[in-house]
């Protein structure tokens, strides 16, 4: 086995390291004038948008108070075979309200659903029970066909699908 030897040099003094200049915030040189073509800061357009009060939604319009009450009434109707309300199940395709007349477009899970004869009548009665709705019409459609993809996330969670 060979033995290694190392040579050690002694240094009496290390060479000085030059110091970096101190960091300063950017300063415009005093001899330069501001650019004439620059304009003052423009106002932020979001300020006006955020300060604007939202426009009132007609009670019968989508997102209006009356439509929301009709949807709340529809959420009280449950499919007898599935423990989820018909709105979150995705059976209600559309709710339109005009001059106190509500039109609900809906489907059922299958054309052979055991409540095919009674469900539209129950929907009509529940919608007409909402204050502000004088009459209701239920259109039962089969196109587009219902599928589990129409269910809300809450319904999918209830069914164990998420």
N, C-alpha and C. Protein backbone atom coordinates (compact mmCIF):
# COMPACT_ATOMS: atom_id res chain seq x y z
N UNK A 1 0.83 -1.16 0.00
CA UNK A 1 0.00 0.00 0.00
C UNK A 1 0.89 1.24 0.00
N UNK A 2 0.55 2.18 -0.84
CA UNK A 2 1.39 3.36 -0.90
C UNK A 2 0.86 4.42 0.04
N UNK A 3 1.75 5.15 0.54
CA UNK A 3 1.40 6.19 1.50
C UNK A 3 1.37 7.53 0.78
N UNK A 4 0.35 8.32 1.06
CA UNK A 4 0.23 9.62 0.42
C UNK A 4 0.77 10.68 1.37
N UNK A 5 1.36 11.65 0.77
CA UNK A 5 1.85 12.77 1.55
C UNK A 5 1.28 14.06 0.97
N UNK A 6 0.97 14.97 1.82
CA UNK A 6 0.41 16.24 1.38
C UNK A 6 1.34 17.35 1.82
N UNK A 7 1.39 18.36 1.00
CA UNK A 7 2.21 19.50 1.31
C UNK A 7 1.30 20.63 1.77
N UNK A 8 1.57 21.23 2.87
CA UNK A 8 0.77 22.29 3.43
C UNK A 8 1.52 23.60 3.24
N UNK A 9 0.79 24.60 2.68
CA UNK A 9 1.38 25.92 2.52
C UNK A 9 0.78 26.83 3.57
N UNK A 10 1.60 27.59 4.16
CA UNK A 10 1.12 28.55 5.12
C UNK A 10 0.95 29.89 4.44
N UNK A 11 -0.20 30.54 4.74
CA UNK A 11 -0.50 31.85 4.16
C UNK A 11 -0.55 32.81 5.33
N UNK A 12 0.13 33.88 5.20
CA UNK A 12 0.15 34.82 6.30
C UNK A 12 -1.04 35.78 6.24
N UNK A 13 -1.48 36.14 5.05
CA UNK A 13 -2.57 37.09 4.96
C UNK A 13 -3.32 36.85 3.65
N UNK A 14 -4.68 36.88 3.74
CA UNK A 14 -5.50 36.68 2.54
C UNK A 14 -5.63 37.99 1.80
N UNK A 15 -5.79 37.89 0.50
CA UNK A 15 -5.96 39.09 -0.32
C UNK A 15 -7.35 39.68 -0.04
N UNK A 16 -7.48 40.99 0.05
CA UNK A 16 -8.78 41.59 0.34
C UNK A 16 -9.75 41.41 -0.85
N UNK A 17 -11.03 41.22 -0.52
CA UNK A 17 -12.08 41.09 -1.54
C UNK A 17 -12.72 42.45 -1.71
N UNK A 18 -12.86 42.93 -2.95
CA UNK A 18 -13.47 44.25 -3.13
C UNK A 18 -14.95 44.23 -2.74
N UNK A 19 -15.42 45.31 -2.13
CA UNK A 19 -16.81 45.41 -1.69
C UNK A 19 -17.70 45.80 -2.87
N UNK A 20 -18.91 45.25 -2.87
CA UNK A 20 -19.89 45.60 -3.89
C UNK A 20 -20.50 46.94 -3.54
N UNK A 21 -20.93 47.71 -4.53
CA UNK A 21 -21.56 48.99 -4.22
C UNK A 21 -22.88 48.74 -3.51
N UNK A 22 -23.30 49.65 -2.64
CA UNK A 22 -24.55 49.45 -1.89
C UNK A 22 -25.75 49.45 -2.84
N UNK A 23 -26.78 48.67 -2.50
CA UNK A 23 -28.00 48.61 -3.30
C UNK A 23 -28.84 49.84 -3.03
N UNK A 24 -29.38 50.44 -4.07
CA UNK A 24 -30.22 51.62 -3.93
C UNK A 24 -31.45 51.46 -4.81
N UNK A 25 -32.49 52.14 -4.40
CA UNK A 25 -33.69 52.16 -5.24
C UNK A 25 -33.36 52.95 -6.50
N UNK A 26 -34.06 52.64 -7.58
CA UNK A 26 -33.81 53.33 -8.83
C UNK A 26 -34.15 54.80 -8.68
N UNK A 27 -33.23 55.61 -9.11
CA UNK A 27 -33.43 57.06 -9.06
C UNK A 27 -33.30 57.60 -10.46
N UNK A 28 -34.25 58.45 -10.85
CA UNK A 28 -34.18 59.13 -12.15
C UNK A 28 -33.02 60.11 -12.08
N UNK A 29 -32.14 60.10 -13.06
CA UNK A 29 -31.04 61.08 -13.05
C UNK A 29 -31.61 62.50 -13.03
N UNK A 30 -30.99 63.35 -12.26
CA UNK A 30 -31.48 64.72 -12.05
C UNK A 30 -31.46 65.55 -13.33
N UNK A 31 -30.56 65.26 -14.25
CA UNK A 31 -30.43 66.09 -15.43
C UNK A 31 -31.47 65.78 -16.50
N UNK A 32 -32.20 64.66 -16.38
CA UNK A 32 -33.19 64.31 -17.39
C UNK A 32 -34.58 64.78 -16.95
N UNK A 33 -35.30 65.39 -17.85
CA UNK A 33 -36.67 65.83 -17.58
C UNK A 33 -37.62 64.67 -17.86
N UNK A 34 -38.79 64.66 -17.23
CA UNK A 34 -39.75 63.60 -17.53
C UNK A 34 -40.12 63.65 -19.01
N UNK A 35 -40.44 62.50 -19.53
CA UNK A 35 -40.77 62.41 -20.94
C UNK A 35 -42.07 63.13 -21.23
N UNK A 36 -42.07 63.94 -22.25
CA UNK A 36 -43.24 64.74 -22.59
C UNK A 36 -44.38 63.88 -23.13
N UNK A 37 -44.06 62.76 -23.73
CA UNK A 37 -45.10 61.94 -24.34
C UNK A 37 -45.82 61.04 -23.32
N UNK A 38 -45.33 60.97 -22.10
CA UNK A 38 -45.98 60.15 -21.07
C UNK A 38 -47.23 60.83 -20.56
N UNK A 39 -48.28 60.05 -20.34
CA UNK A 39 -49.53 60.59 -19.81
C UNK A 39 -49.65 60.19 -18.35
N UNK A 40 -50.44 60.93 -17.60
CA UNK A 40 -50.62 60.54 -16.20
C UNK A 40 -51.30 59.17 -16.11
N UNK A 41 -51.22 58.54 -14.98
CA UNK A 41 -51.79 57.20 -14.76
C UNK A 41 -53.28 57.20 -15.07
N UNK A 42 -53.70 56.26 -15.91
CA UNK A 42 -55.11 56.16 -16.27
C UNK A 42 -55.87 55.49 -15.13
N UNK A 43 -57.15 55.82 -14.97
CA UNK A 43 -57.92 55.19 -13.89
C UNK A 43 -58.10 53.69 -14.14
N UNK A 44 -58.22 52.98 -13.09
CA UNK A 44 -58.42 51.54 -13.18
C UNK A 44 -59.88 51.28 -13.54
N UNK A 45 -60.13 50.57 -14.62
CA UNK A 45 -61.49 50.33 -15.08
C UNK A 45 -62.26 49.40 -14.15
N UNK A 46 -61.57 48.61 -13.37
CA UNK A 46 -62.24 47.73 -12.41
C UNK A 46 -62.89 48.53 -11.30
N UNK A 47 -62.33 49.69 -10.97
CA UNK A 47 -62.91 50.51 -9.90
C UNK A 47 -64.37 50.85 -10.22
N UNK A 48 -64.63 51.29 -11.43
CA UNK A 48 -65.99 51.64 -11.82
C UNK A 48 -66.89 50.41 -11.84
N UNK A 49 -66.36 49.29 -12.28
CA UNK A 49 -67.15 48.05 -12.33
C UNK A 49 -67.53 47.59 -10.93
N UNK A 50 -66.58 47.65 -10.01
CA UNK A 50 -66.84 47.18 -8.65
C UNK A 50 -67.75 48.13 -7.88
N UNK A 51 -67.71 49.41 -8.21
CA UNK A 51 -68.54 50.39 -7.52
C UNK A 51 -69.98 50.37 -8.02
N UNK A 52 -70.19 49.83 -9.21
CA UNK A 52 -71.52 49.80 -9.82
C UNK A 52 -72.42 48.82 -9.06
N UNK A 53 -73.63 49.26 -8.76
CA UNK A 53 -74.58 48.38 -8.08
C UNK A 53 -75.21 47.45 -9.11
N UNK A 54 -75.45 46.19 -8.74
CA UNK A 54 -76.03 45.25 -9.70
C UNK A 54 -77.45 45.65 -10.09
N UNK A 55 -77.76 45.38 -11.34
CA UNK A 55 -79.09 45.69 -11.82
C UNK A 55 -80.08 44.70 -11.23
N UNK A 56 -81.26 45.16 -10.95
CA UNK A 56 -82.29 44.30 -10.38
C UNK A 56 -82.74 43.28 -11.42
N UNK A 57 -82.93 42.05 -10.98
CA UNK A 57 -83.40 40.98 -11.85
C UNK A 57 -84.91 40.87 -11.66
N UNK A 58 -85.63 40.81 -12.76
CA UNK A 58 -87.08 40.65 -12.67
C UNK A 58 -87.38 39.34 -11.95
N UNK A 59 -88.40 39.31 -11.09
CA UNK A 59 -88.69 38.09 -10.32
C UNK A 59 -88.91 36.86 -11.19
N UNK A 60 -89.45 37.06 -12.40
CA UNK A 60 -89.75 35.93 -13.26
C UNK A 60 -88.58 35.54 -14.15
N UNK A 61 -87.55 36.38 -14.25
CA UNK A 61 -86.41 36.12 -15.11
C UNK A 61 -85.53 35.03 -14.51
N UNK A 62 -84.71 34.39 -15.36
CA UNK A 62 -83.78 33.40 -14.82
C UNK A 62 -82.92 34.02 -13.73
N UNK A 63 -82.87 33.37 -12.59
CA UNK A 63 -82.13 33.89 -11.45
C UNK A 63 -82.94 34.83 -10.61
N UNK A 64 -84.17 35.11 -11.03
CA UNK A 64 -85.05 35.99 -10.27
C UNK A 64 -85.64 35.27 -9.07
N UNK A 65 -86.21 36.04 -8.17
CA UNK A 65 -86.74 35.50 -6.92
C UNK A 65 -87.86 34.47 -7.14
N UNK A 66 -88.78 34.75 -8.05
CA UNK A 66 -89.89 33.84 -8.30
C UNK A 66 -89.40 32.52 -8.90
N UNK A 67 -88.46 32.62 -9.83
CA UNK A 67 -87.92 31.39 -10.41
C UNK A 67 -87.19 30.57 -9.35
N UNK A 68 -86.46 31.22 -8.47
CA UNK A 68 -85.76 30.51 -7.40
C UNK A 68 -86.74 29.81 -6.45
N UNK A 69 -87.89 30.44 -6.20
CA UNK A 69 -88.91 29.82 -5.34
C UNK A 69 -89.53 28.61 -6.03
N UNK A 70 -89.74 28.69 -7.35
CA UNK A 70 -90.26 27.54 -8.09
C UNK A 70 -89.25 26.39 -8.04
N UNK A 71 -87.99 26.69 -8.22
CA UNK A 71 -86.94 25.65 -8.15
C UNK A 71 -86.89 25.04 -6.75
N UNK A 72 -87.05 25.86 -5.72
CA UNK A 72 -87.07 25.34 -4.35
C UNK A 72 -88.26 24.39 -4.16
N UNK A 73 -89.40 24.71 -4.78
CA UNK A 73 -90.57 23.82 -4.69
C UNK A 73 -90.29 22.51 -5.42
N UNK A 74 -89.62 22.58 -6.56
CA UNK A 74 -89.28 21.37 -7.32
C UNK A 74 -88.30 20.48 -6.55
N UNK A 75 -87.47 21.10 -5.75
CA UNK A 75 -86.50 20.32 -4.96
C UNK A 75 -87.17 19.57 -3.81
N UNK A 76 -88.45 19.80 -3.59
CA UNK A 76 -89.18 19.07 -2.55
C UNK A 76 -89.82 17.80 -3.10
N UNK A 77 -89.72 17.57 -4.39
CA UNK A 77 -90.29 16.37 -5.02
C UNK A 77 -89.17 15.37 -5.23
N UNK A 78 -89.35 14.17 -4.70
CA UNK A 78 -88.32 13.14 -4.80
C UNK A 78 -88.77 12.02 -5.72
N UNK A 79 -87.82 11.47 -6.45
CA UNK A 79 -88.08 10.31 -7.27
C UNK A 79 -88.31 9.14 -6.31
N UNK A 80 -89.37 8.35 -6.49
CA UNK A 80 -89.66 7.28 -5.53
C UNK A 80 -88.63 6.16 -5.52
N UNK A 81 -87.90 5.98 -6.60
CA UNK A 81 -86.92 4.89 -6.66
C UNK A 81 -85.51 5.34 -6.29
N UNK A 82 -85.26 6.65 -6.39
CA UNK A 82 -83.93 7.19 -6.13
C UNK A 82 -84.08 8.26 -5.05
N UNK A 83 -83.32 8.21 -3.98
CA UNK A 83 -83.51 9.16 -2.88
C UNK A 83 -82.92 10.56 -3.15
N UNK A 84 -83.23 11.12 -4.33
CA UNK A 84 -82.72 12.43 -4.72
C UNK A 84 -83.89 13.21 -5.31
N UNK A 85 -83.93 14.52 -5.06
CA UNK A 85 -85.02 15.33 -5.62
C UNK A 85 -84.88 15.44 -7.13
N UNK A 86 -86.02 15.70 -7.79
CA UNK A 86 -86.04 15.66 -9.25
C UNK A 86 -85.23 16.78 -9.90
N UNK A 87 -85.03 17.90 -9.20
CA UNK A 87 -84.24 18.98 -9.77
C UNK A 87 -82.76 18.59 -9.79
N UNK A 88 -82.23 18.13 -8.67
CA UNK A 88 -80.82 17.73 -8.60
C UNK A 88 -80.55 16.45 -9.38
N UNK A 89 -81.59 15.66 -9.59
CA UNK A 89 -81.46 14.45 -10.39
C UNK A 89 -81.29 14.80 -11.87
N UNK A 90 -81.62 16.03 -12.23
CA UNK A 90 -81.45 16.47 -13.61
C UNK A 90 -82.67 16.21 -14.48
N UNK A 91 -83.83 15.97 -13.84
CA UNK A 91 -85.04 15.71 -14.61
C UNK A 91 -85.72 17.00 -15.08
N UNK A 92 -85.39 18.12 -14.46
CA UNK A 92 -85.97 19.40 -14.87
C UNK A 92 -85.01 20.05 -15.86
N UNK A 93 -85.49 20.24 -17.08
CA UNK A 93 -84.64 20.82 -18.13
C UNK A 93 -84.76 22.33 -18.19
N UNK A 94 -85.94 22.89 -17.87
CA UNK A 94 -86.11 24.33 -18.00
C UNK A 94 -87.31 24.78 -17.17
N UNK A 95 -87.20 26.00 -16.63
CA UNK A 95 -88.30 26.64 -15.91
C UNK A 95 -88.41 28.06 -16.46
N UNK A 96 -89.56 28.35 -17.08
CA UNK A 96 -89.82 29.68 -17.61
C UNK A 96 -91.07 30.23 -16.96
N UNK A 97 -91.01 31.50 -16.57
CA UNK A 97 -92.17 32.14 -15.94
C UNK A 97 -92.44 33.45 -16.66
N UNK A 98 -93.71 33.66 -17.03
CA UNK A 98 -94.09 34.88 -17.71
C UNK A 98 -95.50 35.25 -17.28
N UNK A 99 -95.66 36.43 -16.73
CA UNK A 99 -96.97 36.94 -16.29
C UNK A 99 -97.69 35.96 -15.38
N UNK A 100 -96.96 35.36 -14.45
CA UNK A 100 -97.57 34.44 -13.50
C UNK A 100 -97.83 33.05 -14.03
N UNK A 101 -97.46 32.79 -15.27
CA UNK A 101 -97.63 31.46 -15.87
C UNK A 101 -96.27 30.78 -15.94
N UNK A 102 -96.16 29.60 -15.31
CA UNK A 102 -94.90 28.87 -15.29
C UNK A 102 -94.98 27.70 -16.27
N UNK A 103 -93.91 27.52 -17.02
CA UNK A 103 -93.79 26.38 -17.93
C UNK A 103 -92.54 25.61 -17.51
N UNK A 104 -92.76 24.35 -17.15
CA UNK A 104 -91.66 23.49 -16.71
C UNK A 104 -91.47 22.41 -17.77
N UNK A 105 -90.26 22.31 -18.29
CA UNK A 105 -89.92 21.25 -19.23
C UNK A 105 -89.11 20.22 -18.46
N UNK A 106 -89.58 18.97 -18.50
CA UNK A 106 -88.93 17.93 -17.71
C UNK A 106 -88.94 16.61 -18.45
N UNK A 107 -88.22 15.66 -17.91
CA UNK A 107 -88.21 14.30 -18.41
C UNK A 107 -88.28 13.36 -17.22
N UNK A 108 -88.24 12.09 -17.48
CA UNK A 108 -88.17 11.07 -16.43
C UNK A 108 -86.96 10.20 -16.73
N UNK A 109 -86.56 9.39 -15.76
CA UNK A 109 -85.36 8.58 -15.96
C UNK A 109 -85.54 7.61 -17.12
N UNK A 110 -86.73 7.06 -17.29
CA UNK A 110 -87.05 6.20 -18.43
C UNK A 110 -88.52 6.41 -18.81
N UNK A 111 -88.89 6.12 -20.06
CA UNK A 111 -90.31 6.23 -20.44
C UNK A 111 -91.20 5.25 -19.67
N UNK A 112 -90.61 4.18 -19.14
CA UNK A 112 -91.37 3.17 -18.41
C UNK A 112 -91.35 3.39 -16.90
N UNK A 113 -91.00 4.61 -16.51
CA UNK A 113 -90.93 4.95 -15.09
C UNK A 113 -92.31 4.75 -14.45
N UNK A 114 -92.37 4.14 -13.27
CA UNK A 114 -93.67 3.88 -12.64
C UNK A 114 -94.47 5.14 -12.30
N UNK A 115 -93.82 6.29 -12.23
CA UNK A 115 -94.54 7.52 -11.89
C UNK A 115 -94.76 8.40 -13.13
N UNK A 116 -94.65 7.81 -14.32
CA UNK A 116 -94.79 8.58 -15.56
C UNK A 116 -96.15 9.26 -15.65
N UNK A 117 -97.17 8.65 -15.10
CA UNK A 117 -98.51 9.24 -15.17
C UNK A 117 -98.77 10.25 -14.06
N UNK A 118 -98.14 10.09 -12.91
CA UNK A 118 -98.44 10.95 -11.77
C UNK A 118 -97.43 12.08 -11.55
N UNK A 119 -96.18 11.91 -11.95
CA UNK A 119 -95.14 12.91 -11.67
C UNK A 119 -95.44 14.27 -12.31
N UNK A 120 -95.84 14.36 -13.58
CA UNK A 120 -96.14 15.69 -14.14
C UNK A 120 -97.25 16.42 -13.38
N UNK A 121 -98.25 15.70 -12.93
CA UNK A 121 -99.31 16.33 -12.15
C UNK A 121 -98.82 16.85 -10.82
N UNK A 122 -97.94 16.09 -10.17
CA UNK A 122 -97.37 16.54 -8.89
C UNK A 122 -96.50 17.78 -9.10
N UNK A 123 -95.74 17.80 -10.17
CA UNK A 123 -94.90 18.96 -10.48
C UNK A 123 -95.78 20.18 -10.70
N UNK A 124 -96.86 20.04 -11.46
CA UNK A 124 -97.77 21.15 -11.72
C UNK A 124 -98.37 21.69 -10.43
N UNK A 125 -98.82 20.79 -9.54
CA UNK A 125 -99.41 21.24 -8.27
C UNK A 125 -98.40 21.97 -7.40
N UNK A 126 -97.17 21.45 -7.32
CA UNK A 126 -96.14 22.10 -6.49
C UNK A 126 -95.77 23.47 -7.03
N UNK A 127 -95.67 23.59 -8.34
CA UNK A 127 -95.30 24.88 -8.94
C UNK A 127 -96.43 25.89 -8.72
N UNK A 128 -97.67 25.46 -8.87
CA UNK A 128 -98.80 26.38 -8.67
C UNK A 128 -98.96 26.79 -7.21
N UNK A 129 -98.36 26.05 -6.28
CA UNK A 129 -98.45 26.41 -4.87
C UNK A 129 -97.51 27.56 -4.49
N UNK A 130 -96.62 27.92 -5.40
CA UNK A 130 -95.67 29.01 -5.13
C UNK A 130 -96.41 30.34 -5.29
N UNK A 131 -96.36 31.22 -4.27
CA UNK A 131 -97.01 32.53 -4.39
C UNK A 131 -96.43 33.30 -5.57
N UNK A 132 -97.31 33.85 -6.39
CA UNK A 132 -96.88 34.57 -7.58
C UNK A 132 -97.06 33.78 -8.86
N UNK A 133 -97.32 32.48 -8.73
CA UNK A 133 -97.57 31.63 -9.89
C UNK A 133 -99.07 31.38 -9.94
N UNK A 134 -99.71 31.84 -11.02
CA UNK A 134 -101.16 31.69 -11.15
C UNK A 134 -101.53 30.41 -11.89
N UNK A 135 -100.68 30.00 -12.82
CA UNK A 135 -100.95 28.77 -13.57
C UNK A 135 -99.62 28.11 -13.93
N UNK A 136 -99.70 26.82 -14.20
CA UNK A 136 -98.49 26.07 -14.53
C UNK A 136 -98.78 25.07 -15.62
N UNK A 137 -97.77 24.82 -16.40
CA UNK A 137 -97.85 23.86 -17.49
C UNK A 137 -96.59 23.00 -17.42
N UNK A 138 -96.75 21.69 -17.55
CA UNK A 138 -95.61 20.79 -17.51
C UNK A 138 -95.49 20.10 -18.86
N UNK A 139 -94.35 20.27 -19.49
CA UNK A 139 -94.08 19.59 -20.76
C UNK A 139 -93.15 18.43 -20.49
N UNK A 140 -93.63 17.22 -20.70
CA UNK A 140 -92.83 16.01 -20.51
C UNK A 140 -92.19 15.66 -21.84
N UNK A 141 -90.87 15.66 -21.88
CA UNK A 141 -90.14 15.39 -23.12
C UNK A 141 -89.22 14.18 -22.94
N UNK A 142 -88.89 13.54 -24.05
CA UNK A 142 -87.99 12.39 -24.01
C UNK A 142 -86.71 12.66 -24.78
N UNK A 143 -86.63 13.83 -25.40
CA UNK A 143 -85.44 14.17 -26.17
C UNK A 143 -84.96 15.54 -25.70
N UNK A 144 -83.79 15.67 -25.15
CA UNK A 144 -82.77 14.65 -24.99
C UNK A 144 -83.12 13.70 -23.84
N UNK A 145 -82.69 12.48 -24.00
CA UNK A 145 -82.94 11.47 -22.98
C UNK A 145 -82.14 11.78 -21.72
N UNK A 146 -82.70 11.42 -20.58
CA UNK A 146 -81.98 11.63 -19.31
C UNK A 146 -80.83 10.64 -19.22
N UNK A 147 -79.75 11.08 -18.63
CA UNK A 147 -78.63 10.20 -18.31
C UNK A 147 -77.99 10.69 -17.01
N UNK A 148 -77.26 9.84 -16.31
CA UNK A 148 -76.67 10.23 -15.01
C UNK A 148 -75.77 11.47 -15.07
N UNK A 149 -75.28 11.84 -16.24
CA UNK A 149 -74.43 13.02 -16.37
C UNK A 149 -75.19 14.31 -16.10
N UNK A 150 -76.52 14.27 -16.12
CA UNK A 150 -77.33 15.46 -15.88
C UNK A 150 -77.52 15.73 -14.38
N UNK A 151 -77.09 14.81 -13.55
CA UNK A 151 -77.25 14.96 -12.10
C UNK A 151 -76.28 16.03 -11.57
N UNK A 152 -76.73 16.74 -10.53
CA UNK A 152 -75.84 17.70 -9.87
C UNK A 152 -74.78 16.94 -9.08
N UNK A 153 -73.73 17.64 -8.70
CA UNK A 153 -72.68 17.00 -7.89
C UNK A 153 -73.23 16.51 -6.55
N UNK A 154 -74.18 17.28 -5.98
CA UNK A 154 -74.78 16.88 -4.71
C UNK A 154 -75.52 15.56 -4.86
N UNK A 155 -76.26 15.42 -5.97
CA UNK A 155 -76.99 14.18 -6.22
C UNK A 155 -76.03 13.01 -6.43
N UNK A 156 -74.96 13.25 -7.17
CA UNK A 156 -73.97 12.19 -7.40
C UNK A 156 -73.32 11.77 -6.09
N UNK A 157 -73.07 12.72 -5.21
CA UNK A 157 -72.49 12.41 -3.91
C UNK A 157 -73.46 11.58 -3.08
N UNK A 158 -74.74 11.97 -3.10
CA UNK A 158 -75.77 11.24 -2.38
C UNK A 158 -75.89 9.80 -2.87
N UNK A 159 -75.71 9.62 -4.18
CA UNK A 159 -75.83 8.29 -4.80
C UNK A 159 -74.53 7.50 -4.70
N UNK A 160 -73.48 8.09 -4.17
CA UNK A 160 -72.19 7.40 -4.06
C UNK A 160 -71.44 7.33 -5.38
N UNK A 161 -71.73 8.27 -6.28
CA UNK A 161 -71.09 8.27 -7.59
C UNK A 161 -69.85 9.15 -7.66
N UNK A 162 -69.56 9.87 -6.58
CA UNK A 162 -68.35 10.72 -6.55
C UNK A 162 -67.36 10.17 -5.56
